[in-house]
PDB file of all heavy atoms in Angstrom:
ATOM      1  N   LEU A   1     -13.459  42.140  12.870  1.00  0.00           N
ATOM      2  CA  LEU A   1     -14.155  40.920  13.226  1.00  0.00           C
ATOM      3  C   LEU A   1     -13.843  40.490  14.672  1.00  0.00           C
ATOM      4  O   LEU A   1     -14.724  40.147  15.453  1.00  0.00           O
ATOM      5  CB  LEU A   1     -13.809  39.786  12.288  1.00  0.00           C
ATOM      6  CG  LEU A   1     -14.479  38.428  12.597  1.00  0.00           C
ATOM      7  CD1 LEU A   1     -15.970  38.518  12.408  1.00  0.00           C
ATOM      8  CD2 LEU A   1     -13.873  37.376  11.625  1.00  0.00           C
ATOM      9  N   SER A   2     -12.544  40.614  15.011  1.00  0.00           N
ATOM     10  CA  SER A   2     -12.136  40.198  16.357  1.00  0.00           C
ATOM     11  C   SER A   2     -12.765  41.095  17.423  1.00  0.00           C
ATOM     12  O   SER A   2     -13.103  40.629  18.480  1.00  0.00           O
ATOM     13  CB  SER A   2     -10.610  40.266  16.470  1.00  0.00           C
ATOM     14  OG  SER A   2     -10.017  39.353  15.530  1.00  0.00           O
ATOM     15  N   ALA A   3     -12.821  42.404  17.137  1.00  0.00           N
ATOM     16  CA  ALA A   3     -13.326  43.333  18.123  1.00  0.00           C
ATOM     17  C   ALA A   3     -14.790  43.075  18.456  1.00  0.00           C
ATOM     18  O   ALA A   3     -15.203  43.318  19.588  1.00  0.00           O
ATOM     19  CB  ALA A   3     -13.197  44.752  17.613  1.00  0.00           C
ATOM     20  N   SER A   4     -15.552  42.491  17.515  1.00  0.00           N
ATOM     21  CA  SER A   4     -17.002  42.280  17.773  1.00  0.00           C
ATOM     22  C   SER A   4     -17.300  40.857  18.287  1.00  0.00           C
ATOM     23  O   SER A   4     -18.358  40.656  18.873  1.00  0.00           O
ATOM     24  CB  SER A   4     -17.765  42.641  16.501  1.00  0.00           C
ATOM     25  OG  SER A   4     -17.324  41.784  15.450  1.00  0.00           O
ATOM     26  N   THR A   5     -16.493  39.919  17.825  1.00  0.00           N
ATOM     27  CA  THR A   5     -16.892  38.520  18.080  1.00  0.00           C
ATOM     28  C   THR A   5     -15.928  37.715  18.971  1.00  0.00           C
ATOM     29  O   THR A   5     -16.274  36.604  19.388  1.00  0.00           O
ATOM     30  CB  THR A   5     -17.070  37.780  16.760  1.00  0.00           C
ATOM     31  OG1 THR A   5     -15.819  37.743  16.095  1.00  0.00           O
ATOM     32  CG2 THR A   5     -18.093  38.442  15.917  1.00  0.00           C
ATOM     33  N   ALA A   6     -14.695  38.210  19.184  1.00  0.00           N
ATOM     34  CA  ALA A   6     -13.677  37.425  19.879  1.00  0.00           C
ATOM     35  C   ALA A   6     -13.130  37.984  21.176  1.00  0.00           C
ATOM     36  O   ALA A   6     -11.975  37.948  21.427  1.00  0.00           O
ATOM     37  CB  ALA A   6     -12.513  37.219  18.932  1.00  0.00           C
ATOM     38  N   LEU A   7     -14.034  38.533  21.970  1.00  0.00           N
ATOM     39  CA  LEU A   7     -13.676  39.008  23.278  1.00  0.00           C
ATOM     40  C   LEU A   7     -13.640  37.864  24.252  1.00  0.00           C
ATOM     41  O   LEU A   7     -14.502  37.694  25.120  1.00  0.00           O
ATOM     42  CB  LEU A   7     -14.625  40.114  23.721  1.00  0.00           C
ATOM     43  CG  LEU A   7     -14.625  41.337  22.898  1.00  0.00           C
ATOM     44  CD1 LEU A   7     -15.698  42.369  23.341  1.00  0.00           C
ATOM     45  CD2 LEU A   7     -13.283  42.059  22.874  1.00  0.00           C
ATOM     46  N   TYR A   8     -12.624  37.013  24.113  1.00  0.00           N
ATOM     47  CA  TYR A   8     -12.571  35.763  24.856  1.00  0.00           C
ATOM     48  C   TYR A   8     -12.552  35.964  26.348  1.00  0.00           C
ATOM     49  O   TYR A   8     -13.085  35.191  27.095  1.00  0.00           O
ATOM     50  CB  TYR A   8     -11.328  34.952  24.406  1.00  0.00           C
ATOM     51  CG  TYR A   8     -11.339  34.699  22.996  1.00  0.00           C
ATOM     52  CD1 TYR A   8     -10.229  34.987  22.157  1.00  0.00           C
ATOM     53  CD2 TYR A   8     -12.446  34.062  22.314  1.00  0.00           C
ATOM     54  CE1 TYR A   8     -10.232  34.725  20.810  1.00  0.00           C
ATOM     55  CE2 TYR A   8     -12.388  33.824  20.984  1.00  0.00           C
ATOM     56  CZ  TYR A   8     -11.312  34.120  20.196  1.00  0.00           C
ATOM     57  OH  TYR A   8     -11.287  33.892  18.881  1.00  0.00           O
ATOM     58  N   ALA A   9     -11.823  37.018  26.781  1.00  0.00           N
ATOM     59  CA  ALA A   9     -11.674  37.220  28.181  1.00  0.00           C
ATOM     60  C   ALA A   9     -13.041  37.610  28.854  1.00  0.00           C
ATOM     61  O   ALA A   9     -13.141  37.470  30.062  1.00  0.00           O
ATOM     62  CB  ALA A   9     -10.630  38.289  28.448  1.00  0.00           C
ATOM     63  N   GLN A  10     -14.005  38.068  28.048  1.00  0.00           N
ATOM     64  CA  GLN A  10     -15.249  38.513  28.607  1.00  0.00           C
ATOM     65  C   GLN A  10     -16.366  37.479  28.453  1.00  0.00           C
ATOM     66  O   GLN A  10     -17.513  37.769  28.786  1.00  0.00           O
ATOM     67  CB  GLN A  10     -15.673  39.814  27.885  1.00  0.00           C
ATOM     68  CG  GLN A  10     -14.643  40.947  28.157  1.00  0.00           C
ATOM     69  CD  GLN A  10     -15.018  42.272  27.500  1.00  0.00           C
ATOM     70  OE1 GLN A  10     -16.125  42.331  26.880  1.00  0.00           O
ATOM     71  NE2 GLN A  10     -14.115  43.190  27.475  1.00  0.00           N
ATOM     72  N   ARG A  11     -16.089  36.319  27.907  1.00  0.00           N
ATOM     73  CA  ARG A  11     -17.148  35.338  27.789  1.00  0.00           C
ATOM     74  C   ARG A  11     -16.621  33.965  28.373  1.00  0.00           C
ATOM     75  O   ARG A  11     -15.425  33.783  28.544  1.00  0.00           O
ATOM     76  CB  ARG A  11     -17.556  35.079  26.304  1.00  0.00           C
ATOM     77  CG  ARG A  11     -16.470  34.515  25.423  1.00  0.00           C
ATOM     78  CD  ARG A  11     -17.034  34.267  24.026  1.00  0.00           C
ATOM     79  NE  ARG A  11     -16.037  33.835  23.095  1.00  0.00           N
ATOM     80  CZ  ARG A  11     -15.719  32.598  22.903  1.00  0.00           C
ATOM     81  NH1 ARG A  11     -16.280  31.636  23.593  1.00  0.00           N
ATOM     82  NH2 ARG A  11     -14.811  32.290  21.952  1.00  0.00           N
ATOM     83  N   SER A  12     -17.486  33.113  28.672  1.00  0.00           N
ATOM     84  CA  SER A  12     -17.112  31.850  29.294  1.00  0.00           C
ATOM     85  C   SER A  12     -16.532  30.921  28.215  1.00  0.00           C
ATOM     86  O   SER A  12     -17.066  30.779  27.120  1.00  0.00           O
ATOM     87  CB  SER A  12     -18.386  31.147  29.945  1.00  0.00           C
ATOM     88  OG  SER A  12     -18.103  29.884  30.410  1.00  0.00           O
ATOM     89  N   ILE A  13     -15.409  30.354  28.534  1.00  0.00           N
ATOM     90  CA  ILE A  13     -14.723  29.468  27.582  1.00  0.00           C
ATOM     91  C   ILE A  13     -14.976  28.019  28.096  1.00  0.00           C
ATOM     92  O   ILE A  13     -14.543  27.644  29.202  1.00  0.00           O
ATOM     93  CB  ILE A  13     -13.253  29.747  27.590  1.00  0.00           C
ATOM     94  CG1 ILE A  13     -12.932  31.192  27.142  1.00  0.00           C
ATOM     95  CG2 ILE A  13     -12.498  28.758  26.643  1.00  0.00           C
ATOM     96  CD1 ILE A  13     -11.510  31.598  27.132  1.00  0.00           C
ATOM     97  N   LYS A  14     -15.652  27.282  27.214  1.00  0.00           N
ATOM     98  CA  LYS A  14     -15.929  25.879  27.528  1.00  0.00           C
ATOM     99  C   LYS A  14     -14.780  25.016  27.109  1.00  0.00           C
ATOM    100  O   LYS A  14     -14.629  24.650  25.938  1.00  0.00           O
ATOM    101  CB  LYS A  14     -17.236  25.424  26.860  1.00  0.00           C
ATOM    102  CG  LYS A  14     -18.442  26.236  27.352  1.00  0.00           C
ATOM    103  CD  LYS A  14     -19.724  25.752  26.671  1.00  0.00           C
ATOM    104  CE  LYS A  14     -20.908  26.558  27.176  1.00  0.00           C
ATOM    105  NZ  LYS A  14     -22.168  26.148  26.472  1.00  0.00           N
ATOM    106  N   MET A  15     -13.892  24.660  28.020  1.00  0.00           N
ATOM    107  CA  MET A  15     -12.693  23.919  27.662  1.00  0.00           C
ATOM    108  C   MET A  15     -12.999  22.489  27.135  1.00  0.00           C
ATOM    109  O   MET A  15     -12.226  21.931  26.418  1.00  0.00           O
ATOM    110  CB  MET A  15     -11.772  23.889  28.900  1.00  0.00           C
ATOM    111  CG  MET A  15     -11.326  25.188  29.445  1.00  0.00           C
ATOM    112  SD  MET A  15     -10.502  26.222  28.178  1.00  0.00           S
ATOM    113  CE  MET A  15      -9.043  25.309  27.912  1.00  0.00           C
ATOM    114  N   GLN A  16     -14.139  21.949  27.554  1.00  0.00           N
ATOM    115  CA  GLN A  16     -14.451  20.562  27.084  1.00  0.00           C
ATOM    116  C   GLN A  16     -14.724  20.521  25.585  1.00  0.00           C
ATOM    117  O   GLN A  16     -14.717  19.471  24.954  1.00  0.00           O
ATOM    118  CB  GLN A  16     -15.692  20.019  27.864  1.00  0.00           C
ATOM    119  CG  GLN A  16     -16.987  20.783  27.647  1.00  0.00           C
ATOM    120  CD  GLN A  16     -17.160  21.886  28.701  1.00  0.00           C
ATOM    121  OE1 GLN A  16     -16.167  22.361  29.241  1.00  0.00           O
ATOM    122  NE2 GLN A  16     -18.371  22.303  28.914  1.00  0.00           N
ATOM    123  N   ASP A  17     -14.975  21.720  24.968  1.00  0.00           N
ATOM    124  CA  ASP A  17     -15.264  21.769  23.510  1.00  0.00           C
ATOM    125  C   ASP A  17     -13.933  21.583  22.715  1.00  0.00           C
ATOM    126  O   ASP A  17     -14.011  21.287  21.502  1.00  0.00           O
ATOM    127  CB  ASP A  17     -15.923  23.060  23.125  1.00  0.00           C
ATOM    128  CG  ASP A  17     -17.332  23.174  23.693  1.00  0.00           C
ATOM    129  OD1 ASP A  17     -17.891  22.113  24.101  1.00  0.00           O
ATOM    130  OD2 ASP A  17     -17.793  24.309  23.737  1.00  0.00           O
ATOM    131  N   TYR A  18     -12.818  21.762  23.336  1.00  0.00           N
ATOM    132  CA  TYR A  18     -11.522  21.715  22.672  1.00  0.00           C
ATOM    133  C   TYR A  18     -10.818  20.399  22.879  1.00  0.00           C
ATOM    134  O   TYR A  18     -10.004  20.239  23.805  1.00  0.00           O
ATOM    135  CB  TYR A  18     -10.672  22.895  23.031  1.00  0.00           C
ATOM    136  CG  TYR A  18     -11.287  24.237  22.785  1.00  0.00           C
ATOM    137  CD1 TYR A  18     -11.951  24.925  23.783  1.00  0.00           C
ATOM    138  CD2 TYR A  18     -11.262  24.781  21.459  1.00  0.00           C
ATOM    139  CE1 TYR A  18     -12.582  26.140  23.480  1.00  0.00           C
ATOM    140  CE2 TYR A  18     -11.935  25.998  21.206  1.00  0.00           C
ATOM    141  CZ  TYR A  18     -12.572  26.698  22.214  1.00  0.00           C
ATOM    142  OH  TYR A  18     -13.176  27.813  21.950  1.00  0.00           O
ATOM    143  N   THR A  19     -11.207  19.456  22.010  1.00  0.00           N
ATOM    144  CA  THR A  19     -10.554  18.105  22.091  1.00  0.00           C
ATOM    145  C   THR A  19      -9.114  18.185  21.578  1.00  0.00           C
ATOM    146  O   THR A  19      -8.739  19.207  20.974  1.00  0.00           O
ATOM    147  CB  THR A  19     -11.412  17.109  21.353  1.00  0.00           C
ATOM    148  OG1 THR A  19     -11.560  17.620  20.015  1.00  0.00           O
ATOM    149  CG2 THR A  19     -12.772  16.899  21.987  1.00  0.00           C
ATOM    150  N   THR A  20      -8.404  17.148  21.720  1.00  0.00           N
ATOM    151  CA  THR A  20      -7.017  17.134  21.366  1.00  0.00           C
ATOM    152  C   THR A  20      -6.738  17.524  19.888  1.00  0.00           C
ATOM    153  O   THR A  20      -5.771  18.132  19.565  1.00  0.00           O
ATOM    154  CB  THR A  20      -6.294  15.793  21.702  1.00  0.00           C
ATOM    155  OG1 THR A  20      -7.068  14.752  21.067  1.00  0.00           O
ATOM    156  CG2 THR A  20      -6.261  15.584  23.210  1.00  0.00           C
ATOM    157  N   ASP A  21      -7.665  17.131  19.007  1.00  0.00           N
ATOM    158  CA  ASP A  21      -7.500  17.385  17.558  1.00  0.00           C
ATOM    159  C   ASP A  21      -7.655  18.863  17.283  1.00  0.00           C
ATOM    160  O   ASP A  21      -7.312  19.360  16.191  1.00  0.00           O
ATOM    161  CB  ASP A  21      -8.473  16.547  16.688  1.00  0.00           C
ATOM    162  CG  ASP A  21      -9.898  16.861  17.064  1.00  0.00           C
ATOM    163  OD1 ASP A  21     -10.248  16.896  18.223  1.00  0.00           O
ATOM    164  OD2 ASP A  21     -10.736  17.009  16.107  1.00  0.00           O
ATOM    165  N   LEU A  22      -8.168  19.632  18.210  1.00  0.00           N
ATOM    166  CA  LEU A  22      -8.345  21.056  18.015  1.00  0.00           C
ATOM    167  C   LEU A  22      -7.382  21.894  18.792  1.00  0.00           C
ATOM    168  O   LEU A  22      -7.464  23.178  18.936  1.00  0.00           O
ATOM    169  CB  LEU A  22      -9.767  21.508  18.477  1.00  0.00           C
ATOM    170  CG  LEU A  22     -10.960  20.924  17.683  1.00  0.00           C
ATOM    171  CD1 LEU A  22     -12.288  21.369  18.289  1.00  0.00           C
ATOM    172  CD2 LEU A  22     -10.881  21.346  16.200  1.00  0.00           C
ATOM    173  N   ILE A  23      -6.338  21.231  19.348  1.00  0.00           N
ATOM    174  CA  ILE A  23      -5.305  21.956  20.203  1.00  0.00           C
ATOM    175  C   ILE A  23      -3.990  21.897  19.481  1.00  0.00           C
ATOM    176  O   ILE A  23      -3.574  20.865  18.901  1.00  0.00           O
ATOM    177  CB  ILE A  23      -5.213  21.267  21.577  1.00  0.00           C
ATOM    178  CG1 ILE A  23      -6.600  21.318  22.286  1.00  0.00           C
ATOM    179  CG2 ILE A  23      -4.149  21.940  22.416  1.00  0.00           C
ATOM    180  CD1 ILE A  23      -6.595  20.580  23.630  1.00  0.00           C
ATOM    181  N   ARG A  24      -3.262  23.016  19.531  1.00  0.00           N
ATOM    182  CA  ARG A  24      -1.915  23.107  19.028  1.00  0.00           C
ATOM    183  C   ARG A  24      -1.031  23.752  20.135  1.00  0.00           C
ATOM    184  O   ARG A  24      -1.286  24.877  20.518  1.00  0.00           O
ATOM    185  CB  ARG A  24      -1.779  23.880  17.706  1.00  0.00           C
ATOM    186  CG  ARG A  24      -2.643  23.278  16.543  1.00  0.00           C
ATOM    187  CD  ARG A  24      -2.059  21.984  16.107  1.00  0.00           C
ATOM    188  NE  ARG A  24      -2.822  21.451  14.945  1.00  0.00           N
ATOM    189  CZ  ARG A  24      -3.873  20.703  15.003  1.00  0.00           C
ATOM    190  NH1 ARG A  24      -4.373  20.331  16.198  1.00  0.00           N
ATOM    191  NH2 ARG A  24      -4.528  20.296  13.917  1.00  0.00           N
ATOM    192  N   ASN A  25      -0.024  23.046  20.591  1.00  0.00           N
ATOM    193  CA  ASN A  25       0.899  23.657  21.552  1.00  0.00           C
ATOM    194  C   ASN A  25       2.238  23.921  20.844  1.00  0.00           C
ATOM    195  O   ASN A  25       2.864  23.001  20.360  1.00  0.00           O
ATOM    196  CB  ASN A  25       1.091  22.697  22.710  1.00  0.00           C
ATOM    197  CG  ASN A  25      -0.200  22.380  23.475  1.00  0.00           C
ATOM    198  OD1 ASN A  25      -0.994  23.263  23.704  1.00  0.00           O
ATOM    199  ND2 ASN A  25      -0.344  21.134  23.893  1.00  0.00           N
ATOM    200  N   PHE A  26       2.675  25.171  20.872  1.00  0.00           N
ATOM    201  CA  PHE A  26       3.851  25.543  20.118  1.00  0.00           C
ATOM    202  C   PHE A  26       4.598  26.646  20.839  1.00  0.00           C
ATOM    203  O   PHE A  26       4.072  27.352  21.765  1.00  0.00           O
ATOM    204  CB  PHE A  26       3.495  26.030  18.698  1.00  0.00           C
ATOM    205  CG  PHE A  26       2.803  27.329  18.664  1.00  0.00           C
ATOM    206  CD1 PHE A  26       3.539  28.504  18.359  1.00  0.00           C
ATOM    207  CD2 PHE A  26       1.451  27.459  18.954  1.00  0.00           C
ATOM    208  CE1 PHE A  26       2.834  29.727  18.294  1.00  0.00           C
ATOM    209  CE2 PHE A  26       0.776  28.736  18.837  1.00  0.00           C
ATOM    210  CZ  PHE A  26       1.526  29.864  18.547  1.00  0.00           C
ATOM    211  N   SER A  27       5.870  26.777  20.459  1.00  0.00           N
ATOM    212  CA  SER A  27       6.728  27.867  21.025  1.00  0.00           C
ATOM    213  C   SER A  27       7.404  28.595  19.850  1.00  0.00           C
ATOM    214  O   SER A  27       7.295  28.149  18.694  1.00  0.00           O
ATOM    215  CB  SER A  27       7.780  27.324  21.953  1.00  0.00           C
ATOM    216  OG  SER A  27       8.610  26.357  21.285  1.00  0.00           O
ATOM    217  N   ILE A  28       8.055  29.653  20.171  1.00  0.00           N
ATOM    218  CA  ILE A  28       8.851  30.390  19.139  1.00  0.00           C
ATOM    219  C   ILE A  28      10.288  30.462  19.670  1.00  0.00           C
ATOM    220  O   ILE A  28      10.580  30.909  20.731  1.00  0.00           O
ATOM    221  CB  ILE A  28       8.353  31.870  18.967  1.00  0.00           C
ATOM    222  CG1 ILE A  28       6.851  31.829  18.650  1.00  0.00           C
ATOM    223  CG2 ILE A  28       9.164  32.546  17.859  1.00  0.00           C
ATOM    224  CD1 ILE A  28       6.224  33.258  18.616  1.00  0.00           C
ATOM    225  N   ILE A  29      11.267  29.906  18.833  1.00  0.00           N
ATOM    226  CA  ILE A  29      12.641  29.954  19.217  1.00  0.00           C
ATOM    227  C   ILE A  29      13.352  30.833  18.224  1.00  0.00           C
ATOM    228  O   ILE A  29      13.139  30.787  17.024  1.00  0.00           O
ATOM    229  CB  ILE A  29      13.242  28.453  19.196  1.00  0.00           C
ATOM    230  CG1 ILE A  29      13.040  27.788  17.877  1.00  0.00           C
ATOM    231  CG2 ILE A  29      12.660  27.649  20.309  1.00  0.00           C
ATOM    232  CD1 ILE A  29      13.686  26.418  17.759  1.00  0.00           C
ATOM    233  N   ALA A  30      14.258  31.636  18.791  1.00  0.00           N
ATOM    234  CA  ALA A  30      14.944  32.646  17.934  1.00  0.00           C
ATOM    235  C   ALA A  30      16.122  33.181  18.733  1.00  0.00           C
ATOM    236  O   ALA A  30      16.210  33.094  19.972  1.00  0.00           O
ATOM    237  CB  ALA A  30      14.042  33.796  17.531  1.00  0.00           C
ATOM    238  N   HIS A  31      17.080  33.762  18.016  1.00  0.00           N
ATOM    239  CA  HIS A  31      18.175  34.455  18.591  1.00  0.00           C
ATOM    240  C   HIS A  31      17.705  35.830  19.144  1.00  0.00           C
ATOM    241  O   HIS A  31      16.618  36.253  18.746  1.00  0.00           O
ATOM    242  CB  HIS A  31      19.340  34.648  17.641  1.00  0.00           C
ATOM    243  CG  HIS A  31      20.629  35.110  18.221  1.00  0.00           C
ATOM    244  ND1 HIS A  31      21.438  34.264  18.842  1.00  0.00           N
ATOM    245  CD2 HIS A  31      21.211  36.334  18.239  1.00  0.00           C
ATOM    246  CE1 HIS A  31      22.535  34.927  19.255  1.00  0.00           C
ATOM    247  NE2 HIS A  31      22.361  36.187  18.911  1.00  0.00           N
ATOM    248  N   ILE A  32      18.485  36.482  19.928  1.00  0.00           N
ATOM    249  CA  ILE A  32      18.078  37.792  20.489  1.00  0.00           C
ATOM    250  C   ILE A  32      17.831  38.783  19.339  1.00  0.00           C
ATOM    251  O   ILE A  32      18.602  38.799  18.396  1.00  0.00           O
ATOM    252  CB  ILE A  32      19.197  38.371  21.451  1.00  0.00           C
ATOM    253  CG1 ILE A  32      19.301  37.463  22.648  1.00  0.00           C
ATOM    254  CG2 ILE A  32      18.849  39.755  21.862  1.00  0.00           C
ATOM    255  CD1 ILE A  32      20.434  37.851  23.590  1.00  0.00           C
ATOM    256  N   ASP A  33      16.722  39.521  19.480  1.00  0.00           N
ATOM    257  CA  ASP A  33      16.476  40.648  18.534  1.00  0.00           C
ATOM    258  C   ASP A  33      16.084  40.197  17.114  1.00  0.00           C
ATOM    259  O   ASP A  33      16.260  40.890  16.181  1.00  0.00           O
ATOM    260  CB  ASP A  33      17.643  41.631  18.488  1.00  0.00           C
ATOM    261  CG  ASP A  33      17.141  43.024  17.917  1.00  0.00           C
ATOM    262  OD1 ASP A  33      15.983  43.379  18.229  1.00  0.00           O
ATOM    263  OD2 ASP A  33      17.958  43.681  17.262  1.00  0.00           O
ATOM    264  N   HIS A  34      15.599  38.939  16.975  1.00  0.00           N
ATOM    265  CA  HIS A  34      15.137  38.456  15.707  1.00  0.00           C
ATOM    266  C   HIS A  34      13.583  38.635  15.512  1.00  0.00           C
ATOM    267  O   HIS A  34      13.077  38.203  14.507  1.00  0.00           O
ATOM    268  CB  HIS A  34      15.545  37.062  15.476  1.00  0.00           C
ATOM    269  CG  HIS A  34      16.953  36.857  14.983  1.00  0.00           C
ATOM    270  ND1 HIS A  34      17.326  35.832  14.229  1.00  0.00           N
ATOM    271  CD2 HIS A  34      18.029  37.645  15.188  1.00  0.00           C
ATOM    272  CE1 HIS A  34      18.688  35.912  13.972  1.00  0.00           C
ATOM    273  NE2 HIS A  34      19.073  37.021  14.561  1.00  0.00           N
ATOM    274  N   GLY A  35      12.945  39.262  16.509  1.00  0.00           N
ATOM    275  CA  GLY A  35      11.570  39.613  16.364  1.00  0.00           C
ATOM    276  C   GLY A  35      10.583  38.665  16.964  1.00  0.00           C
ATOM    277  O   GLY A  35       9.414  38.637  16.620  1.00  0.00           O
ATOM    278  N   LYS A  36      11.055  37.837  17.951  1.00  0.00           N
ATOM    279  CA  LYS A  36      10.168  36.866  18.576  1.00  0.00           C
ATOM    280  C   LYS A  36       8.978  37.449  19.315  1.00  0.00           C
ATOM    281  O   LYS A  36       7.831  37.071  19.170  1.00  0.00           O
ATOM    282  CB  LYS A  36      11.009  35.970  19.490  1.00  0.00           C
ATOM    283  CG  LYS A  36      10.214  34.927  20.276  1.00  0.00           C
ATOM    284  CD  LYS A  36      11.123  34.045  21.104  1.00  0.00           C
ATOM    285  CE  LYS A  36      11.959  34.905  22.004  1.00  0.00           C
ATOM    286  NZ  LYS A  36      11.137  35.648  22.961  1.00  0.00           N
ATOM    287  N   SER A  37       9.280  38.466  20.212  1.00  0.00           N
ATOM    288  CA  SER A  37       8.205  39.114  20.924  1.00  0.00           C
ATOM    289  C   SER A  37       7.254  39.868  20.032  1.00  0.00           C
ATOM    290  O   SER A  37       6.043  39.915  20.311  1.00  0.00           O
ATOM    291  CB  SER A  37       8.805  40.078  21.996  1.00  0.00           C
ATOM    292  OG  SER A  37       9.598  39.356  22.929  1.00  0.00           O
ATOM    293  N   THR A  38       7.786  40.436  18.954  1.00  0.00           N
ATOM    294  CA  THR A  38       6.942  41.177  18.005  1.00  0.00           C
ATOM    295  C   THR A  38       5.995  40.191  17.292  1.00  0.00           C
ATOM    296  O   THR A  38       4.777  40.519  17.101  1.00  0.00           O
ATOM    297  CB  THR A  38       7.792  41.951  16.998  1.00  0.00           C
ATOM    298  OG1 THR A  38       8.687  42.784  17.702  1.00  0.00           O
ATOM    299  CG2 THR A  38       6.929  42.764  16.108  1.00  0.00           C
ATOM    300  N   LEU A  39       6.511  39.060  16.920  1.00  0.00           N
ATOM    301  CA  LEU A  39       5.595  38.052  16.261  1.00  0.00           C
ATOM    302  C   LEU A  39       4.580  37.571  17.234  1.00  0.00           C
ATOM    303  O   LEU A  39       3.390  37.430  16.829  1.00  0.00           O
ATOM    304  CB  LEU A  39       6.480  36.889  15.746  1.00  0.00           C
ATOM    305  CG  LEU A  39       5.709  35.721  15.155  1.00  0.00           C
ATOM    306  CD1 LEU A  39       4.917  36.167  13.952  1.00  0.00           C
ATOM    307  CD2 LEU A  39       6.664  34.578  14.734  1.00  0.00           C
ATOM    308  N   ALA A  40       4.913  37.360  18.461  1.00  0.00           N
ATOM    309  CA  ALA A  40       3.930  36.956  19.466  1.00  0.00           C
ATOM    310  C   ALA A  40       2.821  38.057  19.618  1.00  0.00           C
ATOM    311  O   ALA A  40       1.620  37.710  19.719  1.00  0.00           O
ATOM    312  CB  ALA A  40       4.573  36.726  20.833  1.00  0.00           C
ATOM    313  N   ASP A  41       3.158  39.260  19.544  1.00  0.00           N
ATOM    314  CA  ASP A  41       2.203  40.335  19.576  1.00  0.00           C
ATOM    315  C   ASP A  41       1.252  40.281  18.422  1.00  0.00           C
ATOM    316  O   ASP A  41       0.018  40.433  18.550  1.00  0.00           O
ATOM    317  CB  ASP A  41       2.908  41.761  19.585  1.00  0.00           C
ATOM    318  CG  ASP A  41       3.657  41.970  20.847  1.00  0.00           C
ATOM    319  OD1 ASP A  41       3.403  41.298  21.875  1.00  0.00           O
ATOM    320  OD2 ASP A  41       4.583  42.843  20.765  1.00  0.00           O
ATOM    321  N   ARG A  42       1.760  40.041  17.198  1.00  0.00           N
ATOM    322  CA  ARG A  42       0.882  39.966  15.995  1.00  0.00           C
ATOM    323  C   ARG A  42      -0.024  38.741  16.062  1.00  0.00           C
ATOM    324  O   ARG A  42      -1.186  38.869  15.652  1.00  0.00           O
ATOM    325  CB  ARG A  42       1.747  39.911  14.748  1.00  0.00           C
ATOM    326  CG  ARG A  42       2.681  41.063  14.523  1.00  0.00           C
ATOM    327  CD  ARG A  42       1.932  42.389  14.213  1.00  0.00           C
ATOM    328  NE  ARG A  42       1.616  43.107  15.432  1.00  0.00           N
ATOM    329  CZ  ARG A  42       2.465  43.807  16.160  1.00  0.00           C
ATOM    330  NH1 ARG A  42       3.732  43.870  15.767  1.00  0.00           N
ATOM    331  NH2 ARG A  42       2.075  44.419  17.249  1.00  0.00           N
ATOM    332  N   LEU A  43       0.493  37.643  16.594  1.00  0.00           N
ATOM    333  CA  LEU A  43      -0.388  36.439  16.708  1.00  0.00           C
ATOM    334  C   LEU A  43      -1.536  36.698  17.684  1.00  0.00           C
ATOM    335  O   LEU A  43      -2.670  36.310  17.434  1.00  0.00           O
ATOM    336  CB  LEU A  43       0.446  35.279  17.151  1.00  0.00           C
ATOM    337  CG  LEU A  43       1.537  34.750  16.166  1.00  0.00           C
ATOM    338  CD1 LEU A  43       2.379  33.634  16.789  1.00  0.00           C
ATOM    339  CD2 LEU A  43       0.881  34.228  14.876  1.00  0.00           C
ATOM    340  N   LEU A  44      -1.245  37.358  18.760  1.00  0.00           N
ATOM    341  CA  LEU A  44      -2.285  37.685  19.768  1.00  0.00           C
ATOM    342  C   LEU A  44      -3.274  38.644  19.201  1.00  0.00           C
ATOM    343  O   LEU A  44      -4.525  38.527  19.486  1.00  0.00           O
ATOM    344  CB  LEU A  44      -1.606  38.281  21.029  1.00  0.00           C
ATOM    345  CG  LEU A  44      -0.727  37.320  21.852  1.00  0.00           C
ATOM    346  CD1 LEU A  44      -0.003  38.077  22.946  1.00  0.00           C
ATOM    347  CD2 LEU A  44      -1.594  36.220  22.510  1.00  0.00           C
TER     348      LEU A  44
END
């Protein structure tokens, strides 16, 4: 589904459509080698 419909980098993103209730700002905190970078890869 992502390969056919979610090529965000190739389409115009209308930032005004994303109001604060549609935004989530988060980070990942972990000790070294607990899989933080790997989890970020899977989320992307």
